[in-house]
Structure formats: C-alpha cells, structure tokens
Protein backbone atom coordinates (compact mmCIF):
# COMPACT_ATOMS: atom_id res chain seq x y z
CA MET A 1 6.86 -35.70 -53.79
CA ASN A 2 7.69 -38.53 -50.82
CA LEU A 3 10.19 -36.66 -49.53
CA PHE A 4 7.90 -33.91 -49.44
CA ARG A 5 6.09 -35.47 -47.26
CA CYS A 6 8.65 -36.95 -45.20
CA SER A 7 10.19 -33.27 -44.39
CA LYS A 8 7.00 -31.83 -43.26
CA LYS A 9 6.73 -35.13 -41.14
CA VAL A 10 9.96 -33.97 -40.08
CA ALA A 11 9.52 -30.83 -39.23
CA CYS A 12 5.80 -31.25 -37.30
CA THR A 13 7.40 -34.03 -34.98
CA PHE A 14 9.59 -31.27 -34.14
CA VAL A 15 7.39 -28.34 -33.47
CA VAL A 16 5.44 -31.05 -31.52
CA LEU A 17 8.91 -32.22 -29.25
CA ALA A 18 9.82 -29.05 -29.20
CA THR A 19 6.70 -27.93 -27.24
CA ALA A 20 6.17 -30.42 -25.36
CA LEU A 21 10.08 -29.80 -23.98
CA LEU A 22 8.97 -26.32 -23.04
CA MET A 23 5.77 -27.19 -21.38
CA ALA A 24 8.49 -29.92 -19.36
CA SER A 25 10.43 -26.87 -19.06
CA SER A 26 8.14 -24.90 -18.09
CA VAL A 27 6.23 -27.37 -15.13
CA PHE A 28 10.13 -28.68 -13.53
CA ALA A 29 11.17 -25.38 -13.35
CA ALA A 30 13.27 -25.26 -10.29
CA ALA A 31 11.02 -23.31 -7.47
CA PRO A 32 12.25 -20.22 -5.82
CA LYS A 33 13.53 -20.46 -2.81
CA TYR A 34 13.21 -16.78 -1.83
CA VAL A 35 9.34 -14.43 -2.61
CA PHE A 36 9.38 -11.14 -2.10
CA TYR A 37 5.91 -9.35 -2.33
CA PHE A 38 5.79 -6.26 -2.69
CA ILE A 39 2.24 -4.16 -3.31
CA GLY A 40 1.85 -0.45 -3.39
CA ASP A 41 -1.01 0.54 -1.39
CA GLY A 42 -3.19 2.70 -4.00
CA MET A 43 0.09 2.88 -6.37
CA GLY A 44 -1.40 3.41 -9.73
CA PRO A 45 0.69 3.87 -13.00
CA ALA A 46 0.14 7.51 -11.95
CA GLN A 47 1.90 7.33 -9.15
CA ARG A 48 4.83 5.59 -10.24
CA GLN A 49 5.45 6.96 -12.94
CA SER A 50 5.91 10.19 -11.16
CA ALA A 51 7.25 9.44 -8.91
CA GLN A 52 10.06 7.97 -11.29
CA TYR A 53 9.87 11.47 -12.69
CA PHE A 54 10.67 13.26 -9.75
CA TYR A 55 13.50 10.78 -9.35
CA LYS A 56 15.11 12.03 -11.83
CA ILE A 57 14.70 15.24 -11.18
CA GLU A 58 16.16 14.90 -6.85
CA THR A 59 19.27 12.74 -8.77
CA GLN A 60 19.40 15.28 -11.07
CA ASN A 61 20.30 11.72 -13.04
CA PRO A 62 18.18 11.25 -16.66
CA ALA A 63 18.86 8.01 -16.91
CA ALA A 64 17.73 7.53 -13.06
CA LYS A 65 15.15 4.76 -12.87
CA LEU A 66 13.31 3.54 -10.13
CA VAL A 67 14.66 -0.28 -9.47
CA MET A 68 10.78 -1.57 -9.83
CA ASN A 69 11.00 0.47 -13.04
CA SER A 70 14.65 -1.53 -14.23
CA PHE A 71 12.80 -4.97 -13.67
CA PRO A 72 12.42 -7.73 -17.19
CA VAL A 73 8.54 -9.10 -16.93
CA SER A 74 5.81 -5.98 -16.81
CA ALA A 75 2.13 -6.60 -16.59
CA LEU A 76 -0.89 -4.93 -16.15
CA ILE A 77 -3.50 -5.99 -13.71
CA THR A 78 -7.12 -5.11 -13.43
CA THR A 79 -8.45 -4.78 -9.65
CA HIS A 80 -12.29 -4.64 -9.95
CA SER A 81 -13.97 -6.61 -6.37
CA ASP A 82 -16.64 -8.83 -6.36
CA ASN A 83 -19.76 -6.77 -5.67
CA THR A 84 -18.14 -3.36 -7.90
CA MET A 85 -15.58 -2.54 -10.11
CA ILE A 86 -13.91 -0.42 -7.70
CA THR A 87 -12.58 -2.30 -4.87
CA ASP A 88 -11.73 -1.60 -1.55
CA SER A 89 -7.97 -2.89 0.19
CA ALA A 90 -9.82 -5.41 2.08
CA ALA A 91 -11.02 -6.82 -1.65
CA GLY A 92 -8.29 -5.79 -2.69
CA GLY A 93 -5.63 -7.23 -1.08
CA THR A 94 -7.66 -10.62 -0.45
CA ALA A 95 -7.46 -10.78 -4.25
CA LEU A 96 -3.55 -10.48 -4.18
CA ALA A 97 -3.22 -13.00 -1.49
CA THR A 98 -6.28 -15.91 -1.69
CA GLY A 99 -6.78 -15.63 -6.28
CA PHE A 100 -10.53 -15.33 -5.59
CA LYS A 101 -12.56 -11.95 -5.66
CA THR A 102 -14.75 -11.09 -2.89
CA THR A 103 -16.97 -8.50 -1.41
CA ASN A 104 -15.59 -4.85 -0.17
CA GLY A 105 -14.10 -5.14 3.20
CA ALA A 106 -13.97 -8.69 3.47
CA VAL A 107 -10.73 -10.42 4.75
CA SER A 108 -9.30 -13.65 3.31
CA LYS A 109 -13.08 -14.62 2.89
CA LEU A 110 -15.67 -15.46 0.19
CA PRO A 111 -18.74 -13.51 -0.10
CA ASP A 112 -20.90 -16.02 1.84
CA GLY A 113 -18.06 -16.45 4.64
CA THR A 114 -15.93 -18.88 3.52
CA SER A 115 -12.24 -18.63 4.55
CA VAL A 116 -10.07 -18.72 2.20
CA LYS A 117 -6.29 -19.90 2.14
CA THR A 118 -3.45 -17.11 1.52
CA ILE A 119 -0.74 -17.57 -0.36
CA ALA A 120 1.27 -16.66 2.95
CA GLU A 121 -0.27 -19.48 4.59
CA ALA A 122 0.09 -21.68 1.98
CA ALA A 123 3.62 -20.92 1.34
CA ARG A 124 3.88 -21.37 5.19
CA ASP A 125 2.78 -25.02 4.72
CA ALA A 126 5.37 -25.87 1.96
CA GLY A 127 8.02 -24.95 4.38
CA TYR A 128 8.52 -21.69 4.00
CA ALA A 129 9.21 -18.92 6.26
CA ILE A 130 6.96 -15.88 6.59
CA GLY A 131 6.97 -12.53 6.52
CA ILE A 132 4.24 -9.16 6.77
CA ALA A 133 5.97 -5.64 7.02
CA THR A 134 3.74 -2.99 6.05
CA THR A 135 4.19 1.50 7.19
CA THR A 136 0.23 0.79 7.57
CA ARG A 137 -1.22 -1.30 10.87
CA ILE A 138 -0.01 -4.81 10.80
CA THR A 139 -3.50 -5.37 11.49
CA HIS A 140 -4.78 -3.02 8.69
CA ALA A 141 -6.29 -3.90 5.58
CA THR A 142 -3.27 -5.63 3.08
CA PRO A 143 -1.38 -7.14 5.74
CA ALA A 144 -4.60 -9.24 7.35
CA ALA A 145 -6.03 -10.04 4.02
CA PHE A 146 -2.65 -12.34 3.90
CA SER A 147 -2.82 -12.99 7.63
CA ALA A 148 -6.37 -13.72 8.42
CA HIS A 149 -9.86 -14.25 7.85
CA ASN A 150 -12.67 -12.01 8.98
CA MET A 151 -16.14 -10.71 6.87
CA SER A 152 -14.76 -7.11 8.74
CA ARG A 153 -11.57 -5.61 7.93
CA GLY A 154 -12.44 -3.40 10.86
CA ASN A 155 -12.54 -5.83 13.23
CA GLU A 156 -8.41 -5.02 13.54
CA ASN A 157 -8.82 -6.71 17.43
CA GLU A 158 -10.14 -10.05 16.11
CA ILE A 159 -7.19 -10.21 12.98
CA ALA A 160 -4.63 -9.89 15.76
CA ILE A 161 -5.61 -12.72 16.98
CA ASP A 162 -6.25 -14.49 13.83
CA GLN A 163 -1.89 -13.84 13.44
CA LEU A 164 -1.06 -15.08 16.70
CA GLY A 165 -2.80 -17.91 14.86
CA THR A 166 -0.13 -17.74 11.98
CA ASN A 167 3.04 -18.77 13.29
CA PHE A 168 4.78 -16.56 10.98
CA ASP A 169 8.07 -15.59 11.54
CA TYR A 170 8.43 -11.48 11.17
CA PHE A 171 5.69 -9.19 11.66
CA ALA A 172 7.17 -5.11 11.27
CA GLY A 173 4.81 -1.77 11.06
CA GLY A 174 2.35 0.04 13.23
CA GLY A 175 -0.90 -0.17 15.10
CA PHE A 176 0.41 -2.02 18.82
CA ARG A 177 -2.77 -0.61 20.10
CA HIS A 178 -4.26 -3.68 18.69
CA PHE A 179 -2.20 -5.65 20.58
CA VAL A 180 -1.34 -4.59 23.89
CA ALA A 181 -3.67 -4.86 27.32
CA LYS A 182 -6.06 -2.20 28.20
CA GLY A 183 -4.08 -0.62 31.49
CA ASN A 184 -0.87 -2.44 30.24
CA ALA A 185 2.32 -2.17 32.39
CA GLU A 186 3.62 0.05 29.53
CA GLY A 187 0.81 2.96 29.90
CA LEU A 188 0.56 1.87 26.03
CA LYS A 189 -2.83 3.33 24.67
CA SER A 190 -4.66 -0.45 23.45
CA LYS A 191 -7.94 -0.06 21.68
CA ARG A 192 -8.71 -4.23 22.82
CA LYS A 193 -12.08 -4.57 24.21
CA ASP A 194 -11.23 -7.80 26.07
CA LYS A 195 -8.70 -8.16 28.24
CA ARG A 196 -6.52 -10.47 26.41
CA ASP A 197 -2.32 -9.38 26.26
CA LEU A 198 -1.69 -10.63 23.28
CA VAL A 199 1.62 -9.22 23.24
CA ALA A 200 1.89 -11.69 26.05
CA GLU A 201 0.57 -14.51 24.05
CA PHE A 202 3.10 -13.81 21.45
CA LYS A 203 5.56 -14.02 23.23
CA ALA A 204 4.61 -17.45 24.66
CA LYS A 205 5.41 -18.90 21.66
CA GLY A 206 8.47 -17.95 21.13
CA TYR A 207 8.08 -14.23 19.67
CA THR A 208 10.60 -11.52 20.35
CA THR A 209 8.88 -8.61 20.60
CA PHE A 210 9.43 -4.78 20.10
CA ILE A 211 6.02 -2.80 21.37
CA GLY A 212 5.47 0.78 20.25
CA ASP A 213 7.60 4.20 19.82
CA LYS A 214 10.14 3.38 22.43
CA ALA A 215 11.40 0.50 21.04
CA ARG A 216 12.05 1.72 17.65
CA ASP A 217 16.49 1.77 18.17
CA THR A 218 16.86 -1.65 20.22
CA PHE A 219 14.84 -3.26 17.22
CA ARG A 220 17.32 -1.49 14.66
CA ALA A 221 19.67 -3.29 17.23
CA TYR A 222 18.84 -7.06 17.14
CA GLN A 223 20.91 -9.67 15.47
CA PRO A 224 18.20 -12.22 14.64
CA LYS A 225 19.62 -15.86 14.90
CA LYS A 226 17.90 -19.46 13.51
CA GLY A 227 14.74 -20.07 15.51
CA ASP A 228 13.35 -16.52 16.34
CA LYS A 229 10.19 -14.89 15.15
CA VAL A 230 9.69 -11.18 15.85
CA LEU A 231 6.34 -9.23 16.45
CA ALA A 232 7.15 -5.40 16.12
CA PRO A 233 4.56 -2.97 15.95
CA LEU A 234 6.50 0.38 16.55
CA ALA A 235 3.77 3.03 16.53
CA TYR A 236 0.02 3.10 17.99
CA SER A 237 -1.21 3.34 14.78
CA ALA A 238 0.48 3.73 11.00
CA LEU A 239 4.21 4.47 10.88
CA GLY A 240 4.56 7.66 9.83
CA MET A 241 4.61 9.39 6.06
CA GLU A 242 7.93 9.29 4.14
CA ILE A 243 7.87 12.95 3.87
CA ASP A 244 8.13 13.68 7.73
CA ARG A 245 10.34 11.04 8.12
CA ARG A 246 13.19 12.64 5.94
CA ASN A 247 12.07 16.15 6.82
CA SER A 248 12.41 15.01 11.16
CA SER A 249 14.87 15.80 13.18
CA LYS A 250 14.62 13.31 15.49
CA LYS A 251 17.60 11.05 15.81
CA VAL A 252 16.75 8.49 19.25
CA ASN A 253 13.62 6.21 18.29
CA ALA A 254 13.04 7.76 15.45
CA MET A 255 10.11 6.29 12.86
CA PRO A 256 12.26 3.50 11.22
CA SER A 257 11.53 3.20 7.09
CA LEU A 258 9.99 0.89 5.02
CA SER A 259 13.48 0.02 4.22
CA GLU A 260 14.34 -0.64 7.77
CA LEU A 261 11.51 -2.56 8.39
CA THR A 262 12.21 -5.21 4.39
CA GLU A 263 15.87 -5.32 5.66
CA LYS A 264 15.04 -6.27 9.13
CA GLY A 265 13.09 -9.12 8.26
CA ILE A 266 15.54 -10.60 5.58
CA GLU A 267 18.26 -10.55 8.19
CA VAL A 268 15.28 -12.89 10.71
CA LEU A 269 14.00 -14.76 7.78
CA GLU A 270 17.33 -15.36 6.35
CA ALA A 271 18.56 -17.22 10.12
CA GLN A 272 16.02 -19.59 9.71
CA ASP A 273 18.13 -21.29 7.04
CA LYS A 274 14.89 -22.25 5.32
CA PRO A 275 13.41 -21.01 1.64
CA PHE A 276 10.91 -18.40 2.58
CA PHE A 277 7.59 -15.78 1.53
CA MET A 278 8.10 -11.92 2.53
CA MET A 279 4.84 -9.54 1.70
CA VAL A 280 5.74 -5.51 2.09
CA GLU A 281 3.47 -3.03 1.63
CA GLY A 282 3.78 0.40 0.81
CA GLY A 283 0.98 1.47 2.76
CA ARG A 284 0.76 4.80 3.18
CA ILE A 285 0.95 6.02 -0.73
CA ASP A 286 -2.55 5.03 0.28
CA TYR A 287 -3.17 7.97 2.85
CA ALA A 288 -1.65 10.63 0.44
CA ALA A 289 -3.65 9.92 -2.41
CA HIS A 290 -6.82 9.90 -0.89
CA CYS A 291 -6.64 14.00 0.25
CA ASN A 292 -5.00 14.27 -2.89
CA ASP A 293 -1.00 14.88 -1.50
CA ALA A 294 0.75 14.68 -4.66
CA SER A 295 4.19 14.88 -2.55
CA GLY A 296 3.72 12.91 0.06
CA THR A 297 1.71 10.63 -2.66
CA ILE A 298 5.55 10.02 -4.47
CA TYR A 299 7.77 10.37 -0.96
CA ASP A 300 5.69 7.22 -0.05
CA THR A 301 6.32 5.52 -3.46
CA LEU A 302 9.68 6.41 -3.37
CA ALA A 303 10.26 4.86 0.35
CA LEU A 304 8.88 1.73 -1.23
CA ASP A 305 11.19 1.65 -4.09
CA ASP A 306 14.12 1.55 -1.56
CA ALA A 307 12.80 -1.40 0.17
CA ILE A 308 12.63 -3.35 -3.11
CA ALA A 309 16.17 -2.19 -3.61
CA LYS A 310 17.25 -4.28 -0.50
CA ALA A 311 15.32 -6.81 -1.92
CA PHE A 312 16.79 -6.25 -5.13
CA ALA A 313 20.42 -6.40 -3.47
CA PHE A 314 19.78 -9.80 -2.12
CA TYR A 315 18.29 -11.06 -5.49
CA LYS A 316 21.51 -10.49 -7.01
CA LYS A 317 23.66 -12.19 -4.41
CA HIS A 318 20.84 -15.12 -5.07
CA PRO A 319 19.33 -14.85 -8.36
CA GLU A 320 19.06 -18.03 -8.87
CA GLU A 321 16.93 -18.98 -5.75
CA THR A 322 15.22 -15.50 -6.26
CA LEU A 323 11.37 -13.79 -7.32
CA ILE A 324 10.91 -10.50 -6.81
CA ILE A 325 6.73 -9.52 -7.71
CA VAL A 326 5.58 -5.85 -7.82
CA ALA A 327 2.12 -4.92 -7.91
CA ALA A 328 -0.18 -2.78 -5.90
CA ASP A 329 -4.02 -3.31 -4.78
CA HIS A 330 -5.79 -0.71 -6.66
CA GLU A 331 -5.08 3.41 -7.50
CA THR A 332 -6.31 5.80 -5.30
CA GLY A 333 -7.17 9.29 -6.25
CA GLY A 334 -7.22 8.85 -9.64
CA MET A 335 -4.21 11.04 -10.11
CA ALA A 336 -2.93 12.24 -13.65
CA MET A 337 0.29 13.62 -14.53
CA GLY A 338 -1.23 16.86 -16.52
CA ILE A 339 -3.90 19.16 -15.55
CA SER A 340 -4.94 22.52 -18.01
CA LEU A 341 -7.87 24.99 -18.80
CA ASP A 342 -6.29 25.84 -22.16
CA SER A 343 -4.80 24.44 -24.95
CA LYS A 344 -1.42 25.35 -23.75
CA GLY A 345 -0.69 23.20 -20.78
CA TYR A 346 1.75 20.15 -22.24
CA PHE A 347 3.99 19.81 -19.08
CA LEU A 348 4.57 19.69 -15.54
CA LYS A 349 6.52 21.36 -13.50
CA LEU A 350 7.37 18.49 -10.40
CA ASN A 351 10.07 20.84 -9.20
CA GLU A 352 7.35 22.57 -7.12
CA LEU A 353 7.04 19.64 -5.15
CA MET A 354 10.18 19.63 -3.56
CA LYS A 355 9.24 22.96 -1.74
CA VAL A 356 6.75 20.84 0.19
CA LYS A 357 8.89 19.93 3.73
CA VAL A 358 5.33 18.39 5.42
CA SER A 359 2.19 15.75 4.63
CA ILE A 360 -0.60 16.56 4.41
CA GLU A 361 -3.31 14.20 6.57
CA ASP A 362 0.00 13.89 8.98
CA THR A 363 1.19 16.89 9.34
CA LEU A 364 -0.94 19.94 7.69
CA ALA A 365 -4.12 18.62 8.73
CA TYR A 366 -3.47 19.65 12.34
CA ILE A 367 -2.29 23.32 11.74
CA TYR A 368 -5.18 25.14 11.53
CA PRO A 369 -7.39 23.00 14.16
CA ALA A 370 -4.42 24.33 16.46
CA MET A 371 -4.04 27.34 15.04
CA VAL A 372 -8.00 28.39 16.19
CA LYS A 373 -6.50 27.70 19.33
CA GLU A 374 -3.44 30.19 19.37
CA PHE A 375 -4.75 32.65 17.96
CA PRO A 376 -7.81 33.47 18.04
CA GLN A 377 -8.60 36.36 16.27
CA ALA A 378 -9.60 35.37 12.86
CA ALA A 379 -7.06 37.83 10.91
CA LYS A 380 -4.42 36.95 12.26
CA ARG A 381 -4.80 33.49 12.59
CA HIS A 382 -5.39 34.57 8.71
CA GLN A 383 -1.59 35.78 8.53
CA GLU A 384 0.19 32.94 9.96
CA TYR A 385 -1.69 30.05 8.53
CA LEU A 386 -0.88 31.38 4.72
CA LYS A 387 3.08 32.23 6.50
CA TYR A 388 3.35 28.50 7.52
CA VAL A 389 1.93 27.23 4.11
CA SER A 390 4.54 29.48 2.30
CA GLU A 391 7.41 27.93 4.45
CA ASN A 392 6.22 24.47 4.48
CA CYS A 393 4.23 23.62 1.17
CA GLY A 394 6.06 26.03 -1.04
CA LEU A 395 3.51 28.88 -1.35
CA THR A 396 5.27 31.63 -1.81
CA ASP A 397 3.90 34.58 -4.18
CA LEU A 398 0.34 33.75 -4.19
CA ASN A 399 -2.16 34.95 -6.88
CA LYS A 400 -5.04 36.20 -6.60
CA ARG A 401 -7.48 33.05 -7.09
CA GLU A 402 -4.56 31.26 -5.53
CA LEU A 403 -5.63 33.46 -2.00
CA LYS A 404 -8.72 33.45 -2.67
CA LYS A 405 -9.32 29.48 -2.66
CA LEU A 406 -7.03 29.08 0.66
CA GLU A 407 -8.79 32.11 2.54
CA SER A 408 -12.16 30.73 1.37
CA ALA A 409 -11.42 27.53 2.88
CA MET A 410 -10.51 29.18 5.98
CA ASP A 411 -13.60 30.38 6.28
CA ILE A 412 -15.46 27.82 5.50
CA GLU A 413 -13.20 26.14 8.43
CA ASP A 414 -13.66 29.38 10.49
CA ARG A 415 -17.35 28.56 10.38
CA ASN A 416 -16.64 24.61 11.18
CA GLN A 417 -15.68 25.45 14.72
CA LYS A 418 -19.39 26.64 15.83
CA LEU A 419 -20.99 23.83 14.15
CA SER A 420 -21.63 19.84 15.15
CA ALA A 421 -19.47 17.29 13.33
CA ALA A 422 -22.07 16.17 11.36
CA GLU A 423 -22.65 20.16 10.36
CA GLN A 424 -19.11 20.93 9.24
CA THR A 425 -18.13 21.15 5.30
CA THR A 426 -15.09 18.43 4.65
CA TYR A 427 -14.24 16.52 1.93
CA GLY A 428 -13.26 13.03 1.26
CA TYR A 429 -12.26 11.30 5.10
CA ALA A 430 -13.46 13.87 6.70
CA TYR A 431 -10.69 15.97 4.97
CA THR A 432 -10.54 19.70 6.28
CA PRO A 433 -11.27 22.72 3.90
CA THR A 434 -7.57 24.04 4.42
CA MET A 435 -5.87 20.56 3.89
CA ILE A 436 -7.18 19.97 0.73
CA ALA A 437 -7.15 23.73 -0.32
CA VAL A 438 -3.37 23.27 0.17
CA ALA A 439 -2.85 19.83 -1.01
CA HIS A 440 -4.94 21.11 -4.80
CA LEU A 441 -3.01 24.01 -5.35
CA VAL A 442 0.16 22.31 -5.09
CA SER A 443 -1.09 19.78 -7.61
CA GLU A 444 -2.01 22.34 -9.56
CA ARG A 445 1.61 23.78 -9.48
CA ALA A 446 3.09 20.81 -10.04
CA ARG A 447 0.43 20.25 -12.67
CA ILE A 448 -1.11 16.79 -11.04
CA SER A 449 -4.29 16.52 -11.31
CA TRP A 450 -6.99 14.15 -9.74
CA THR A 451 -10.78 13.13 -9.76
CA SER A 452 -11.08 11.81 -7.01
CA TYR A 453 -10.48 11.23 -3.15
CA VAL A 454 -11.36 7.50 -2.66
CA HIS A 455 -10.13 4.43 -5.10
CA THR A 456 -10.74 4.28 -9.11
CA SER A 457 -10.89 1.09 -11.14
CA SER A 458 -7.64 1.97 -13.11
CA VAL A 459 -5.41 -0.54 -13.52
CA ILE A 460 -2.33 -1.23 -11.86
CA ALA A 461 1.36 -1.86 -13.06
CA LEU A 462 3.43 -5.40 -12.62
CA SER A 463 6.88 -5.89 -12.76
CA ALA A 464 8.91 -8.72 -11.39
CA VAL A 465 12.38 -10.24 -11.67
CA GLY A 466 13.91 -13.68 -10.72
CA VAL A 467 13.26 -17.10 -11.06
CA GLN A 468 9.98 -17.75 -13.23
CA ALA A 469 9.79 -14.11 -13.57
CA GLU A 470 8.32 -14.91 -17.40
CA ASN A 471 4.86 -16.20 -16.16
CA PHE A 472 3.62 -12.93 -14.56
CA GLY A 473 4.11 -11.20 -17.43
CA GLY A 474 0.59 -9.53 -19.70
CA PHE A 475 -2.38 -8.34 -18.98
CA LYS A 476 -3.63 -10.17 -15.70
CA ASP A 477 -6.37 -9.93 -13.06
CA ASN A 478 -5.68 -9.54 -9.45
CA THR A 479 -5.87 -12.94 -8.76
CA ASP A 480 -3.74 -14.25 -11.07
CA ILE A 481 -0.65 -13.38 -8.97
CA PRO A 482 -0.76 -15.56 -5.84
CA ARG A 483 -1.88 -18.21 -7.76
CA THR A 484 1.22 -17.84 -10.56
CA ILE A 485 3.13 -17.66 -6.90
CA ALA A 486 2.11 -21.05 -5.93
CA ASN A 487 2.26 -22.94 -8.83
CA ALA A 488 6.06 -21.18 -8.75
CA ILE A 489 6.93 -22.54 -5.53
CA GLY A 490 5.11 -25.97 -5.15
CA ALA A 491 1.97 -24.74 -2.55
CA GLU A 492 -1.69 -25.00 -2.64
CA LEU A 493 -4.27 -22.58 -2.52
CA SER A 494 -7.76 -23.42 -1.27
CA SER A 495 -10.08 -25.40 -4.43
CA PHE A 496 -13.04 -23.71 -4.58
CA LYS A 497 -14.40 -23.02 -7.97
CA LEU A 498 -13.66 -19.60 -8.68
CA GLU A 499 -16.70 -17.20 -10.30
CA SER A 500 -16.29 -14.51 -12.20
CA SER A 501 -17.20 -11.25 -10.35
CA LYS A 502 -21.15 -9.51 -10.54
CA ALA A 503 -19.32 -6.35 -11.15
CA LEU A 504 -18.69 -7.40 -14.99
CA LEU A 505 -22.02 -7.79 -15.14
CA GLY A 506 -22.34 -3.82 -14.44
CA TYR A 507 -23.52 -4.32 -11.22
CA THR A 508 -22.87 -3.14 -7.96
CA SER A 509 -24.10 -4.98 -5.28
CA GLY A 510 -23.90 -5.10 -1.41
CA PRO A 511 -22.64 -2.37 1.06
CA ASN A 512 -21.64 0.09 -1.84
CA GLU A 513 -24.69 -0.61 -4.15
CA LYS A 514 -27.27 2.17 -1.71
CA TYR A 515 -24.38 4.78 -2.84
CA SER A 516 -24.37 3.42 -6.28
CA LYS A 517 -27.59 4.89 -6.52
CA ILE A 518 -26.90 8.57 -5.29
CA PRO A 519 -26.49 11.06 -8.23
CA TYR A 520 -22.90 11.87 -8.48
CA GLY A 521 -22.95 15.34 -6.86
CA HIS A 522 -25.66 14.90 -4.57
CA THR A 523 -23.65 13.85 -1.72
CA GLU A 524 -23.15 16.26 0.78
CA ASN A 525 -18.89 16.44 1.37
CA VAL A 526 -19.64 16.47 5.67
CA ALA A 527 -18.03 14.59 8.36
CA GLY A 528 -19.76 11.17 8.54
CA LYS A 529 -21.67 11.09 5.17
CA ASN A 530 -18.95 10.74 2.84
C-alpha cells in the first residue's frame, strides 16, 4: 500500500514537472526572426480548394498541391465584425492586424474612434523591419489596416498620410493616385484634394520611389542595399487581374505579379540586416469573387500561392528562424464547388475554366459598352459580342437556355443606354447585365455556384509553417492571429479590454442596420442602390 502511494506520488510529480516544462518551453521558445503574414482577400475554403483542383488539372499532376495547402498546421477562423456577422475588408483587416473587432468600414480604430496598434507597428517598435505588399491599392482596406488609423476606409488620401508616418521599410502595390500631387510634372492623374506631394515627402524621408506604370521595369531592376526604404505604387488603382497579366503580350513595363512584389520585398527587408515582418495581400481574389468570376478567382488565388512560394523558398534557407502564416479576411461571393438542378450533378468541370482568357471586371466589363459605340445596330453588336465571348470566355456551342440568357442580358444593357445611371439595371457593385451573364454561364459550365455579390460569414482556412507555427492551429477567431504573432515575437499590441461582438447576440448595428431591415429580394438592382 505504501509502495502504491509512493508510485502515485512520483507519477503525479512527474506529470506536474512535465507540464511545467511544456509551459516553460512555450514561454521561452525562440522568437521567429522573419515573419510572413499572407492574406487572401475574399479567399474562403472553396476559393482555396478549387484553385488546388484547378492546379492539378493545369499541371496534369494529381499529386500537385498549392504551397499554402502543404503547410503542417491548419485552423478554421471566424470572421464576424463588431456590428454584423458579415465583415467588410476594413473590419476584417483590423481584426487580423490589431486583435480587435470594429465596425465595418473602420480601419484600425475601435467603434468609438480609439486607435489600436497594429501588429506591423508593434513589430516595428520591437525592432523589426516592415514590409507591405498588395495587388490592390496600397491605401486599400487591408494594407491600410496594418499601416493607418481612420474611421472610414474610404479616406484613402488621409490613409496615405498615415502611411508616410509609419517609417515602414517597404510599400508596394497600386494606387499612386493617392500619393502624387495634383498637376504633378509627370502628368500622373491624382485623386488628392489638397496640394500635398506625398511622393516628395516620402523621398525627403529617404525613400526610393517607383511611381506609376512606367516605373515597373526600373523597380524590377532595382537592387536594394542596407538602409533603403521603398515606396512603389505601380498602377493608378489596383494592379491587374492575374488572368489578364498571364495572357498579356506586353513586354515593356508589364504588370508585376504579386510574387515579384514579394520577392523584391524580401530583398529590401533582408538588406536591412535585422528581423523583419511582411504582410502580403492577394487582394484581387476578392474583386473576382464579387462579380462571380470563377476563373479570375482561381487565377488570383494561384498568384497568391506563387507569392507564398517565394516566402517558402526563403523559409527553407532559414527554417529555424522563419514563420509563415496564410489566412484570409473573409469569404466573398458564397462560392461553392457544385451546382445541379437534379440528382445527377455529382461532378465538377473545372476544365471549362481553362478556356477563359480574360477577367470579368477588368476586361469583359468594358467590351459591350465599347461595342455599343462601335456597332450602332443591335443585331450586329449582339453578333460581335457572342463571337467575343466564344473566343475569350470559352462560351462556344451555346444551348438554347444559354443563348437566351445572353441575349436577354444584351437587350437589358441596350435599354440601359437610354436610362440614367440611377435607373439602369445592374447587379452587385453596379455590374452590367452582360458581364454577370457571362460570369454565371462560365461558372455553370464548370459547375461552380455563387450565393452573393458581397461577402459571407463562412469560416476561412488558415495554414502555417515554421517557428511557433503550432500555436496557430485549431478553431479560432481572426482576432487571435495577431495576438499569437505578437506573443511569438515579443511585441506589444494595445491593451484595451477585448469586447464581445454585438453581432454574436444576433444584432446588426451601425451603418448596416438599415439594410438588414430590408426584406430579401426587395433591394433594387440598380446603380447606386445596391
């Protein structure tokens, strides 16, 4: 009996010691010297998995995997904002950047207007060099959430000023319109309302600047050295969609890929000879999913994965010092892999997407309006449009239902030409009938379905690899991610009390409340009223 008690005591002591050692190892684990934080804007589970299936077909390799899907640690992440179960990119980005929920539209501020520290700012203050890269505007919601503080994501001129004050080492993406002065010598179009020349102010702070379309090849050739800081908004607005970039014949100052921005960012940050933190956003996944562009969504997801591959190559050189996290701010479009009107629809046909050569938003959106001017006669215009979508969107051999859908869309768009913008029939963010008809027909042929032109409350998938990656696994909220990063690198975020989201009690409040009271189906699909 005494021996049994002794054995029990020893066993208990061993368990206590083992637990203490485990806790200590977590507390004293080496901090990652290099942190990559990838965010796929609008990249829900279906976007991520359809891209992987497509990649297998594209490479003709059943074993092929996206880099992001090969990481050993995974999680499911909830994305609701403070005032609604369906977040926008500003509130979603704020949660991913600061660890706090906020009202849709706000950028790294609490609902009461209090600024909260971002993980990029916290890492900077902990001695890390900081990089931000995106395929959207540098001042757009997600990059803004890491580098600015404003109650409205729409105040991009003010956000650019905030970014000037961060002293971050690397900014790359689009949106030079919010940095260049009105009437600048280069003749670049500006959206600034004041007389400030932020490009000159960045230069005065020691930044090397690459501004506009004509600076792209100079940016590519640039070799950074220690102490360099970079500002590179390389397009007027967002960078182009990946499907258009891949199919472009432009050679001089061609549209840069996200992987190029990431690779150059690594060069700039590594040259600083200090720890670094880099946030990279695949921002145009969201744009494509908003207008239900299946091929565009997949190609831009693949573009993000190509960027992740650059970080993973870096990781393999520094496996004991690097942490890579891949997440998303929300799902867009309610994308689903499967659509059927009967009991026979147990299949996907992603091969259909291989035939598509153009994006819906950046290219197709402008084709029919251009044809209205080029071909005044409706019959000729319709014939030319059908020819265009056959050659560029894979819509050959249209059946009666498909032809009727396209002809109806063209008829509606013809009528739109005689109406004011407020009276025109559009969908989502003023998407035209022809672009949506094509998007849906292409999706239907691939057996992909959509529920929305906006975001959904679907969980997103997270994956991670590297130093302390194990701390990111499980079922979590988006606010957990920056807090876990901060713990890993020994940085300090804002210490305000974390309040529960009002949306979790079933309420939609703030600017979304009035829309939540409109019965489904009663919202008119006309420009300006979506």
